[in-house]
Each structure stands twice: as C-alpha cells, then as structure tokens.
Amino acid sequence: MEYVGYVEPGGYDQVVFRGDPATREFIAFWLSGGRVLAGMNVNVWDVTDPIRELVRSGRVVDAERLADPGVPLGEV
C-alpha cells in the first residue's frame, strides 16, 4: 500500500476507485473539483509515479476515465 498527496478529512468531494476494493487490488483517488488531491494503491504495482503526476499536475480529470482500469493513468 502506498499513498501519494495529501487531503484533510472532509477536504474532498469525491472518492474514485479503480479496481475492486473487495478483491484488495485497487487504487483510490480523493478529488476536489475534479482535481486529484491524493491517491492510494493497494496491491497494484508500478503506479506510484503516475499517481504522483496526477496529484502534482493539478489538472481536472474525467472521473469515469480515472475509474476505468483500461485507460492508462497517463491518459486520464
């Protein structure tokens, strides 16, 4: 499990899951105004750098594409 970014309790308006938390293989993203504030991967490998880039970019993302494991994180 790795966590990137920072969000205070209540400092977000949406949580997006990529994958299925029930399987314990997923990425969770905390968003505010469509911007990724933080991300946490659980048993998903080699995604820390792309998550970090999403957080650092500060750009608005499409939540549906963010949730879709078929869309590379760099193309969200």
N, C-alpha and C. Protein backbone atom coordinates (compact mmCIF):
# COMPACT_ATOMS: atom_id res chain seq x y z
N MET A 1 0.85 -1.16 0.00
CA MET A 1 0.00 0.00 0.00
C MET A 1 0.90 1.23 0.00
N GLU A 2 0.61 2.16 -0.91
CA GLU A 2 1.36 3.40 -0.98
C GLU A 2 0.37 4.56 -1.15
N TYR A 3 0.68 5.68 -0.51
CA TYR A 3 -0.18 6.86 -0.52
C TYR A 3 0.63 8.04 -1.04
N VAL A 4 0.04 8.79 -1.96
CA VAL A 4 0.69 9.95 -2.55
C VAL A 4 -0.25 11.14 -2.42
N GLY A 5 0.30 12.30 -2.07
CA GLY A 5 -0.52 13.51 -1.94
C GLY A 5 -0.98 13.70 -0.51
N TYR A 6 -1.93 14.61 -0.37
CA TYR A 6 -2.47 14.89 0.95
C TYR A 6 -3.86 15.49 0.82
N VAL A 7 -4.74 15.04 1.66
CA VAL A 7 -6.07 15.62 1.73
C VAL A 7 -6.53 15.56 3.19
N GLU A 8 -7.03 16.67 3.67
CA GLU A 8 -7.53 16.71 5.04
C GLU A 8 -8.90 16.04 5.09
N PRO A 9 -9.29 15.53 6.26
CA PRO A 9 -10.63 14.97 6.40
C PRO A 9 -11.67 16.01 5.96
N GLY A 10 -12.54 15.58 5.07
CA GLY A 10 -13.58 16.48 4.56
C GLY A 10 -13.08 17.44 3.51
N GLY A 11 -11.81 17.37 3.12
CA GLY A 11 -11.24 18.28 2.14
C GLY A 11 -11.40 17.80 0.71
N TYR A 12 -12.29 16.87 0.47
CA TYR A 12 -12.51 16.31 -0.86
C TYR A 12 -14.02 16.20 -1.09
N ASP A 13 -14.40 16.12 -2.35
CA ASP A 13 -15.83 15.98 -2.64
C ASP A 13 -16.16 14.68 -3.37
N GLN A 14 -15.13 13.87 -3.66
CA GLN A 14 -15.37 12.62 -4.37
C GLN A 14 -14.22 11.66 -4.12
N VAL A 15 -14.55 10.38 -3.99
CA VAL A 15 -13.55 9.31 -3.95
C VAL A 15 -13.84 8.41 -5.13
N VAL A 16 -12.82 8.15 -5.93
CA VAL A 16 -12.96 7.31 -7.12
C VAL A 16 -12.11 6.06 -6.92
N PHE A 17 -12.71 4.91 -7.19
CA PHE A 17 -11.99 3.64 -7.10
C PHE A 17 -11.71 3.10 -8.48
N ARG A 18 -10.49 2.66 -8.69
CA ARG A 18 -10.09 1.96 -9.92
C ARG A 18 -9.77 0.55 -9.46
N GLY A 19 -10.57 -0.41 -9.88
CA GLY A 19 -10.44 -1.77 -9.38
C GLY A 19 -11.52 -2.02 -8.35
N ASP A 20 -11.43 -3.15 -7.68
CA ASP A 20 -12.46 -3.57 -6.75
C ASP A 20 -11.89 -3.70 -5.33
N PRO A 21 -12.31 -2.81 -4.42
CA PRO A 21 -11.81 -2.91 -3.05
C PRO A 21 -12.06 -4.28 -2.40
N ALA A 22 -13.10 -4.97 -2.81
CA ALA A 22 -13.40 -6.29 -2.24
C ALA A 22 -12.30 -7.30 -2.54
N THR A 23 -11.59 -7.11 -3.64
CA THR A 23 -10.50 -8.03 -4.00
C THR A 23 -9.17 -7.61 -3.40
N ARG A 24 -9.16 -6.44 -2.77
CA ARG A 24 -7.94 -5.87 -2.18
C ARG A 24 -6.88 -5.56 -3.23
N GLU A 25 -7.32 -5.25 -4.43
CA GLU A 25 -6.45 -4.80 -5.51
C GLU A 25 -7.13 -3.62 -6.17
N PHE A 26 -6.74 -2.42 -5.76
CA PHE A 26 -7.41 -1.23 -6.27
C PHE A 26 -6.55 0.01 -6.04
N ILE A 27 -6.98 1.09 -6.68
CA ILE A 27 -6.42 2.41 -6.42
C ILE A 27 -7.58 3.30 -6.01
N ALA A 28 -7.39 4.07 -4.96
CA ALA A 28 -8.40 5.04 -4.52
C ALA A 28 -7.84 6.44 -4.77
N PHE A 29 -8.68 7.31 -5.31
CA PHE A 29 -8.30 8.69 -5.57
C PHE A 29 -9.25 9.61 -4.83
N TRP A 30 -8.71 10.61 -4.16
CA TRP A 30 -9.51 11.64 -3.50
C TRP A 30 -9.47 12.89 -4.37
N LEU A 31 -10.64 13.38 -4.76
CA LEU A 31 -10.74 14.52 -5.67
C LEU A 31 -11.48 15.68 -5.04
N SER A 32 -11.15 16.86 -5.49
CA SER A 32 -11.89 18.07 -5.15
C SER A 32 -11.98 18.91 -6.41
N GLY A 33 -13.20 19.22 -6.81
CA GLY A 33 -13.38 20.00 -8.02
C GLY A 33 -12.82 19.32 -9.25
N GLY A 34 -12.78 17.99 -9.25
CA GLY A 34 -12.26 17.23 -10.38
C GLY A 34 -10.75 17.08 -10.41
N ARG A 35 -10.07 17.63 -9.41
CA ARG A 35 -8.61 17.53 -9.33
C ARG A 35 -8.22 16.45 -8.32
N VAL A 36 -7.22 15.66 -8.67
CA VAL A 36 -6.76 14.59 -7.79
C VAL A 36 -5.87 15.20 -6.70
N LEU A 37 -6.30 15.06 -5.46
CA LEU A 37 -5.54 15.56 -4.32
C LEU A 37 -4.61 14.51 -3.75
N ALA A 38 -5.06 13.24 -3.81
CA ALA A 38 -4.28 12.15 -3.24
C ALA A 38 -4.71 10.84 -3.90
N GLY A 39 -3.82 9.87 -3.84
CA GLY A 39 -4.12 8.55 -4.36
C GLY A 39 -3.43 7.49 -3.52
N MET A 40 -4.07 6.35 -3.41
CA MET A 40 -3.52 5.24 -2.64
C MET A 40 -3.70 3.97 -3.45
N ASN A 41 -2.60 3.27 -3.69
CA ASN A 41 -2.70 1.99 -4.38
C ASN A 41 -2.56 0.86 -3.37
N VAL A 42 -3.39 -0.15 -3.57
CA VAL A 42 -3.40 -1.33 -2.71
C VAL A 42 -3.20 -2.55 -3.60
N ASN A 43 -2.04 -3.16 -3.50
CA ASN A 43 -1.70 -4.36 -4.27
C ASN A 43 -1.77 -4.15 -5.78
N VAL A 44 -1.54 -2.93 -6.22
CA VAL A 44 -1.41 -2.61 -7.64
C VAL A 44 0.00 -2.06 -7.80
N TRP A 45 0.77 -2.66 -8.68
CA TRP A 45 2.19 -2.33 -8.77
C TRP A 45 2.48 -1.33 -9.87
N ASP A 46 3.57 -0.60 -9.67
CA ASP A 46 4.12 0.33 -10.67
C ASP A 46 3.16 1.44 -11.07
N VAL A 47 2.42 1.97 -10.11
CA VAL A 47 1.51 3.08 -10.40
C VAL A 47 1.81 4.32 -9.55
N THR A 48 2.79 4.25 -8.68
CA THR A 48 3.08 5.37 -7.80
C THR A 48 3.47 6.62 -8.58
N ASP A 49 4.33 6.48 -9.57
CA ASP A 49 4.74 7.65 -10.35
C ASP A 49 3.58 8.27 -11.12
N PRO A 50 2.76 7.49 -11.82
CA PRO A 50 1.61 8.11 -12.50
C PRO A 50 0.62 8.77 -11.53
N ILE A 51 0.43 8.18 -10.36
CA ILE A 51 -0.45 8.80 -9.36
C ILE A 51 0.15 10.13 -8.92
N ARG A 52 1.44 10.12 -8.65
CA ARG A 52 2.13 11.34 -8.23
C ARG A 52 1.98 12.44 -9.29
N GLU A 53 2.10 12.07 -10.56
CA GLU A 53 1.95 13.04 -11.65
C GLU A 53 0.54 13.62 -11.69
N LEU A 54 -0.46 12.79 -11.47
CA LEU A 54 -1.84 13.30 -11.43
C LEU A 54 -2.03 14.30 -10.30
N VAL A 55 -1.47 14.00 -9.13
CA VAL A 55 -1.58 14.90 -7.98
C VAL A 55 -0.84 16.20 -8.27
N ARG A 56 0.37 16.10 -8.74
CA ARG A 56 1.19 17.30 -8.98
C ARG A 56 0.64 18.18 -10.10
N SER A 57 0.01 17.58 -11.09
CA SER A 57 -0.45 18.35 -12.25
C SER A 57 -1.53 19.37 -11.87
N GLY A 58 -2.37 19.01 -10.91
CA GLY A 58 -3.46 19.91 -10.51
C GLY A 58 -4.53 20.09 -11.56
N ARG A 59 -4.48 19.28 -12.61
CA ARG A 59 -5.47 19.44 -13.68
C ARG A 59 -6.76 18.68 -13.36
N VAL A 60 -7.84 19.12 -13.97
CA VAL A 60 -9.13 18.46 -13.82
C VAL A 60 -9.10 17.17 -14.65
N VAL A 61 -9.59 16.09 -14.05
CA VAL A 61 -9.62 14.79 -14.73
C VAL A 61 -11.06 14.32 -14.89
N ASP A 62 -11.26 13.40 -15.80
CA ASP A 62 -12.56 12.77 -16.01
C ASP A 62 -12.66 11.59 -15.05
N ALA A 63 -13.56 11.65 -14.09
CA ALA A 63 -13.68 10.62 -13.05
C ALA A 63 -13.99 9.24 -13.64
N GLU A 64 -14.78 9.19 -14.71
CA GLU A 64 -15.10 7.89 -15.32
C GLU A 64 -13.86 7.26 -15.93
N ARG A 65 -13.03 8.05 -16.59
CA ARG A 65 -11.78 7.53 -17.17
C ARG A 65 -10.81 7.16 -16.06
N LEU A 66 -10.80 7.93 -14.99
CA LEU A 66 -9.93 7.64 -13.85
C LEU A 66 -10.27 6.29 -13.24
N ALA A 67 -11.55 5.95 -13.20
CA ALA A 67 -12.01 4.69 -12.61
C ALA A 67 -11.81 3.49 -13.54
N ASP A 68 -11.59 3.73 -14.82
CA ASP A 68 -11.51 2.66 -15.81
C ASP A 68 -10.09 2.09 -15.89
N PRO A 69 -9.89 0.85 -15.46
CA PRO A 69 -8.55 0.25 -15.50
C PRO A 69 -8.02 0.07 -16.92
N GLY A 70 -8.88 0.16 -17.91
CA GLY A 70 -8.46 0.04 -19.30
C GLY A 70 -7.84 1.31 -19.85
N VAL A 71 -7.97 2.41 -19.12
CA VAL A 71 -7.40 3.69 -19.55
C VAL A 71 -6.11 3.91 -18.76
N PRO A 72 -4.97 4.03 -19.45
CA PRO A 72 -3.72 4.29 -18.73
C PRO A 72 -3.81 5.57 -17.91
N LEU A 73 -3.24 5.56 -16.72
CA LEU A 73 -3.32 6.74 -15.85
C LEU A 73 -2.76 7.99 -16.50
N GLY A 74 -1.80 7.85 -17.36
CA GLY A 74 -1.23 9.00 -18.05
C GLY A 74 -2.16 9.60 -19.09
N GLU A 75 -3.25 8.90 -19.39
CA GLU A 75 -4.20 9.38 -20.40
C GLU A 75 -5.54 9.79 -19.81
N VAL A 76 -5.61 9.91 -18.51
CA VAL A 76 -6.86 10.27 -17.83
C VAL A 76 -7.14 11.75 -18.03
